[in-house]
Amino acid sequence: MRQPPVNRIAPDAIKAWKISAALAEGVIWLVTIALFVLAFIFEFSYWYGAGAALISMITTVLFVFVLPKVRWRRWRYEVFEQEIYIQHGILIVSRTLVPMIRVQHVDTKQGPILKKYNLASVEISTAATTHEIPALLEEDASELRDRISALARVDEDDV
């Protein structure tokens, strides 16, 4: 069996993922608060709000504090001359090989949260799908994009 890829994504990915998860959880907490307000206004049971609060607490702990660290530990990648090897997943670990000859283009992308930590993601597009290596340092992401692009080029004489 093949060894796992050796390269890891940036450790600041954990912070960025925690912030993203906290924003999403904020919406869930707003719904929970709305249930309590509606229970007060329309005089129905507070148990719905209590159940939502319990679910909100569990999901907040899980998605904000636990999963980003586990996700970071599982994310690995490696670029060879003929292929790109990507491993990710928490319960189900997915190992993907992307042949260089199938790569159509490579992009880097950066949202406001990634920008705060000087991170960027690399997107590798093939005819079938898009693969992403998330949360690399900006310089590393640019170098990786350029390297994959150079390795994916095929001379017309070679075809």
C-alpha atoms as a PDB file:
ATOM      1  CA  MET A   1       0.000   0.000   0.000  1.00  0.00           C
ATOM      2  CA  ARG A   2       1.150   3.499  -0.817  1.00  0.00           C
ATOM      3  CA  GLN A   3       2.435   5.755   1.975  1.00  0.00           C
ATOM      4  CA  PRO A   4       0.393   8.876   2.871  1.00  0.00           C
ATOM      5  CA  PRO A   5       1.478  12.178   1.305  1.00  0.00           C
ATOM      6  CA  VAL A   6       4.117  14.077   3.271  1.00  0.00           C
ATOM      7  CA  ASN A   7       3.151  17.763   2.913  1.00  0.00           C
ATOM      8  CA  ARG A   8       0.746  19.361   5.383  1.00  0.00           C
ATOM      9  CA  ILE A   9      -1.318  22.488   5.024  1.00  0.00           C
ATOM     10  CA  ALA A  10      -0.523  25.589   7.132  1.00  0.00           C
ATOM     11  CA  PRO A  11      -1.210  25.345  10.880  1.00  0.00           C
ATOM     12  CA  ASP A  12      -3.122  28.650  10.703  1.00  0.00           C
ATOM     13  CA  ALA A  13      -5.789  26.717   8.796  1.00  0.00           C
ATOM     14  CA  ILE A  14      -7.114  25.642  12.193  1.00  0.00           C
ATOM     15  CA  LYS A  15      -7.737  29.273  13.189  1.00  0.00           C
ATOM     16  CA  ALA A  16      -9.373  30.086   9.847  1.00  0.00           C
ATOM     17  CA  TRP A  17     -11.643  27.029  10.023  1.00  0.00           C
ATOM     18  CA  LYS A  18     -12.595  27.881  13.613  1.00  0.00           C
ATOM     19  CA  ILE A  19     -13.646  31.387  12.571  1.00  0.00           C
ATOM     20  CA  SER A  20     -15.666  30.049   9.617  1.00  0.00           C
ATOM     21  CA  ALA A  21     -17.362  27.490  11.846  1.00  0.00           C
ATOM     22  CA  ALA A  22     -18.082  30.103  14.529  1.00  0.00           C
ATOM     23  CA  LEU A  23     -19.818  32.305  11.948  1.00  0.00           C
ATOM     24  CA  ALA A  24     -21.966  29.387  10.791  1.00  0.00           C
ATOM     25  CA  GLU A  25     -22.745  28.443  14.398  1.00  0.00           C
ATOM     26  CA  GLY A  26     -23.773  32.044  15.050  1.00  0.00           C
ATOM     27  CA  VAL A  27     -26.673  31.521  12.648  1.00  0.00           C
ATOM     28  CA  ILE A  28     -27.714  28.387  14.535  1.00  0.00           C
ATOM     29  CA  TRP A  29     -27.598  30.305  17.834  1.00  0.00           C
ATOM     30  CA  LEU A  30     -29.796  33.055  16.320  1.00  0.00           C
ATOM     31  CA  VAL A  31     -32.389  30.417  15.419  1.00  0.00           C
ATOM     32  CA  THR A  32     -32.176  29.057  18.966  1.00  0.00           C
ATOM     33  CA  ILE A  33     -32.733  32.525  20.448  1.00  0.00           C
ATOM     34  CA  ALA A  34     -35.628  33.078  18.035  1.00  0.00           C
ATOM     35  CA  LEU A  35     -37.265  29.894  19.352  1.00  0.00           C
ATOM     36  CA  PHE A  36     -37.114  31.227  22.909  1.00  0.00           C
ATOM     37  CA  VAL A  37     -38.542  34.590  21.794  1.00  0.00           C
ATOM     38  CA  LEU A  38     -41.357  32.884  19.891  1.00  0.00           C
ATOM     39  CA  ALA A  39     -42.088  30.670  22.892  1.00  0.00           C
ATOM     40  CA  PHE A  40     -42.405  33.792  25.041  1.00  0.00           C
ATOM     41  CA  ILE A  41     -44.567  35.705  22.540  1.00  0.00           C
ATOM     42  CA  PHE A  42     -46.911  32.866  21.566  1.00  0.00           C
ATOM     43  CA  GLU A  43     -46.810  31.131  24.958  1.00  0.00           C
ATOM     44  CA  PHE A  44     -45.798  27.661  23.846  1.00  0.00           C
ATOM     45  CA  SER A  45     -43.386  25.269  25.498  1.00  0.00           C
ATOM     46  CA  TYR A  46     -39.799  26.333  26.140  1.00  0.00           C
ATOM     47  CA  TRP A  47     -38.671  22.743  25.566  1.00  0.00           C
ATOM     48  CA  TYR A  48     -38.212  23.443  21.836  1.00  0.00           C
ATOM     49  CA  GLY A  49     -35.789  26.236  22.660  1.00  0.00           C
ATOM     50  CA  ALA A  50     -34.044  24.097  25.262  1.00  0.00           C
ATOM     51  CA  GLY A  51     -33.616  21.276  22.734  1.00  0.00           C
ATOM     52  CA  ALA A  52     -32.278  23.711  20.166  1.00  0.00           C
ATOM     53  CA  ALA A  53     -29.880  25.169  22.764  1.00  0.00           C
ATOM     54  CA  LEU A  54     -28.566  21.693  23.591  1.00  0.00           C
ATOM     55  CA  ILE A  55     -28.054  20.915  19.905  1.00  0.00           C
ATOM     56  CA  SER A  56     -26.398  24.307  19.392  1.00  0.00           C
ATOM     57  CA  MET A  57     -23.979  23.699  22.268  1.00  0.00           C
ATOM     58  CA  ILE A  58     -23.020  20.257  20.985  1.00  0.00           C
ATOM     59  CA  THR A  59     -22.511  21.425  17.397  1.00  0.00           C
ATOM     60  CA  THR A  60     -20.535  24.484  18.529  1.00  0.00           C
ATOM     61  CA  VAL A  61     -18.110  22.376  20.553  1.00  0.00           C
ATOM     62  CA  LEU A  62     -17.818  19.840  17.749  1.00  0.00           C
ATOM     63  CA  PHE A  63     -17.497  22.152  14.730  1.00  0.00           C
ATOM     64  CA  VAL A  64     -15.579  25.033  16.325  1.00  0.00           C
ATOM     65  CA  PHE A  65     -13.252  23.312  18.784  1.00  0.00           C
ATOM     66  CA  VAL A  66     -12.815  19.647  17.809  1.00  0.00           C
ATOM     67  CA  LEU A  67     -13.137  19.145  14.046  1.00  0.00           C
ATOM     68  CA  PRO A  68     -10.742  21.865  12.789  1.00  0.00           C
ATOM     69  CA  LYS A  69      -7.809  20.230  14.618  1.00  0.00           C
ATOM     70  CA  VAL A  70      -8.708  16.740  13.422  1.00  0.00           C
ATOM     71  CA  ARG A  71      -9.299  18.019   9.880  1.00  0.00           C
ATOM     72  CA  TRP A  72      -5.872  19.700   9.854  1.00  0.00           C
ATOM     73  CA  ARG A  73      -4.142  16.501  11.028  1.00  0.00           C
ATOM     74  CA  ARG A  74      -5.728  14.509   8.194  1.00  0.00           C
ATOM     75  CA  TRP A  75      -5.100  16.948   5.323  1.00  0.00           C
ATOM     76  CA  ARG A  76      -1.956  16.080   3.342  1.00  0.00           C
ATOM     77  CA  TYR A  77      -0.788  16.455  -0.211  1.00  0.00           C
ATOM     78  CA  GLU A  78       2.195  15.719  -2.416  1.00  0.00           C
ATOM     79  CA  VAL A  79       3.044  16.722  -5.979  1.00  0.00           C
ATOM     80  CA  PHE A  80       4.981  14.320  -8.185  1.00  0.00           C
ATOM     81  CA  GLU A  81       6.006  14.742 -11.829  1.00  0.00           C
ATOM     82  CA  GLN A  82       3.176  12.528 -13.081  1.00  0.00           C
ATOM     83  CA  GLU A  83       0.462  13.029 -10.453  1.00  0.00           C
ATOM     84  CA  ILE A  84      -0.890  14.960  -7.494  1.00  0.00           C
ATOM     85  CA  TYR A  85      -1.628  12.927  -4.362  1.00  0.00           C
ATOM     86  CA  ILE A  86      -4.242  14.351  -1.969  1.00  0.00           C
ATOM     87  CA  GLN A  87      -5.456  12.861   1.321  1.00  0.00           C
ATOM     88  CA  HIS A  88      -8.313  14.257   3.409  1.00  0.00           C
ATOM     89  CA  GLY A  89     -11.256  13.189   5.521  1.00  0.00           C
ATOM     90  CA  ILE A  90     -12.062  12.567   9.153  1.00  0.00           C
ATOM     91  CA  LEU A  91     -14.130   9.410   9.455  1.00  0.00           C
ATOM     92  CA  ILE A  92     -13.729   8.377   5.836  1.00  0.00           C
ATOM     93  CA  VAL A  93     -10.202   9.106   4.634  1.00  0.00           C
ATOM     94  CA  SER A  94     -10.088   9.834   0.919  1.00  0.00           C
ATOM     95  CA  ARG A  95      -6.850   9.443  -1.027  1.00  0.00           C
ATOM     96  CA  THR A  96      -6.975  10.908  -4.520  1.00  0.00           C
ATOM     97  CA  LEU A  97      -4.456  10.704  -7.341  1.00  0.00           C
ATOM     98  CA  VAL A  98      -4.852  13.363 -10.017  1.00  0.00           C
ATOM     99  CA  PRO A  99      -2.815  12.568 -13.149  1.00  0.00           C
ATOM    100  CA  MET A 100      -0.919  15.614 -14.449  1.00  0.00           C
ATOM    101  CA  ILE A 101      -2.083  14.947 -17.996  1.00  0.00           C
ATOM    102  CA  ARG A 102      -5.693  15.470 -16.826  1.00  0.00           C
ATOM    103  CA  VAL A 103      -5.055  18.878 -15.219  1.00  0.00           C
ATOM    104  CA  GLN A 104      -6.710  21.619 -17.267  1.00  0.00           C
ATOM    105  CA  HIS A 105      -5.951  24.638 -15.097  1.00  0.00           C
ATOM    106  CA  VAL A 106      -4.829  25.585 -11.608  1.00  0.00           C
ATOM    107  CA  ASP A 107      -6.158  28.512  -9.565  1.00  0.00           C
ATOM    108  CA  THR A 108      -5.477  30.043  -6.190  1.00  0.00           C
ATOM    109  CA  LYS A 109      -8.332  31.530  -4.204  1.00  0.00           C
ATOM    110  CA  GLN A 110      -8.464  33.543  -1.017  1.00  0.00           C
ATOM    111  CA  GLY A 111     -11.444  34.778   0.973  1.00  0.00           C
ATOM    112  CA  PRO A 112     -11.377  37.363   3.747  1.00  0.00           C
ATOM    113  CA  ILE A 113     -10.723  34.834   6.525  1.00  0.00           C
ATOM    114  CA  LEU A 114      -7.842  33.167   4.647  1.00  0.00           C
ATOM    115  CA  LYS A 115      -6.451  36.603   3.765  1.00  0.00           C
ATOM    116  CA  LYS A 116      -6.341  37.541   7.467  1.00  0.00           C
ATOM    117  CA  TYR A 117      -3.881  34.680   8.054  1.00  0.00           C
ATOM    118  CA  ASN A 118      -2.003  35.083   4.715  1.00  0.00           C
ATOM    119  CA  LEU A 119      -3.397  31.796   3.436  1.00  0.00           C
ATOM    120  CA  ALA A 120      -4.739  30.729   0.048  1.00  0.00           C
ATOM    121  CA  SER A 121      -6.246  27.583  -1.422  1.00  0.00           C
ATOM    122  CA  VAL A 122      -5.123  25.885  -4.632  1.00  0.00           C
ATOM    123  CA  GLU A 123      -7.845  24.564  -6.950  1.00  0.00           C
ATOM    124  CA  ILE A 124      -6.875  21.932  -9.521  1.00  0.00           C
ATOM    125  CA  SER A 125      -9.419  21.533 -12.308  1.00  0.00           C
ATOM    126  CA  THR A 126      -9.784  18.496 -14.531  1.00  0.00           C
ATOM    127  CA  ALA A 127     -12.494  17.752 -17.085  1.00  0.00           C
ATOM    128  CA  ALA A 128     -14.410  15.747 -14.492  1.00  0.00           C
ATOM    129  CA  THR A 129     -14.081  17.737 -11.262  1.00  0.00           C
ATOM    130  CA  THR A 130     -12.143  20.246  -9.179  1.00  0.00           C
ATOM    131  CA  HIS A 131      -9.769  19.263  -6.388  1.00  0.00           C
ATOM    132  CA  GLU A 132      -8.722  21.673  -3.670  1.00  0.00           C
ATOM    133  CA  ILE A 133      -5.708  21.909  -1.402  1.00  0.00           C
ATOM    134  CA  PRO A 134      -6.920  24.363   1.247  1.00  0.00           C
ATOM    135  CA  ALA A 135      -5.189  26.878   3.471  1.00  0.00           C
ATOM    136  CA  LEU A 136      -1.588  26.982   2.292  1.00  0.00           C
ATOM    137  CA  LEU A 137       0.637  29.972   2.989  1.00  0.00           C
ATOM    138  CA  GLU A 138       0.196  32.488   0.162  1.00  0.00           C
ATOM    139  CA  GLU A 139       3.751  32.032  -1.122  1.00  0.00           C
ATOM    140  CA  ASP A 140       3.475  28.239  -0.972  1.00  0.00           C
ATOM    141  CA  ALA A 141       0.124  28.336  -2.785  1.00  0.00           C
ATOM    142  CA  SER A 142       1.573  30.486  -5.585  1.00  0.00           C
ATOM    143  CA  GLU A 143       4.630  28.247  -5.931  1.00  0.00           C
ATOM    144  CA  LEU A 144       2.472  25.112  -5.921  1.00  0.00           C
ATOM    145  CA  ARG A 145       0.121  26.593  -8.548  1.00  0.00           C
ATOM    146  CA  ASP A 146       3.063  27.481 -10.792  1.00  0.00           C
ATOM    147  CA  ARG A 147       4.733  24.099 -10.274  1.00  0.00           C
ATOM    148  CA  ILE A 148       1.571  22.127 -11.080  1.00  0.00           C
ATOM    149  CA  SER A 149       0.952  24.332 -14.100  1.00  0.00           C
ATOM    150  CA  ALA A 150       4.477  23.714 -15.390  1.00  0.00           C
ATOM    151  CA  LEU A 151       4.238  19.953 -14.807  1.00  0.00           C
ATOM    152  CA  ALA A 152       0.816  19.750 -16.469  1.00  0.00           C
ATOM    153  CA  ARG A 153       1.940  21.402 -19.717  1.00  0.00           C
ATOM    154  CA  VAL A 154       2.273  19.015 -22.637  1.00  0.00           C
ATOM    155  CA  ASP A 155       4.140  19.945 -25.812  1.00  0.00           C
ATOM    156  CA  GLU A 156       2.096  19.531 -28.964  1.00  0.00           C
ATOM    157  CA  ASP A 157       4.949  17.365 -30.319  1.00  0.00           C
ATOM    158  CA  ASP A 158       4.454  14.942 -27.410  1.00  0.00           C
ATOM    159  CA  VAL A 159       0.786  14.285 -28.234  1.00  0.00           C
END
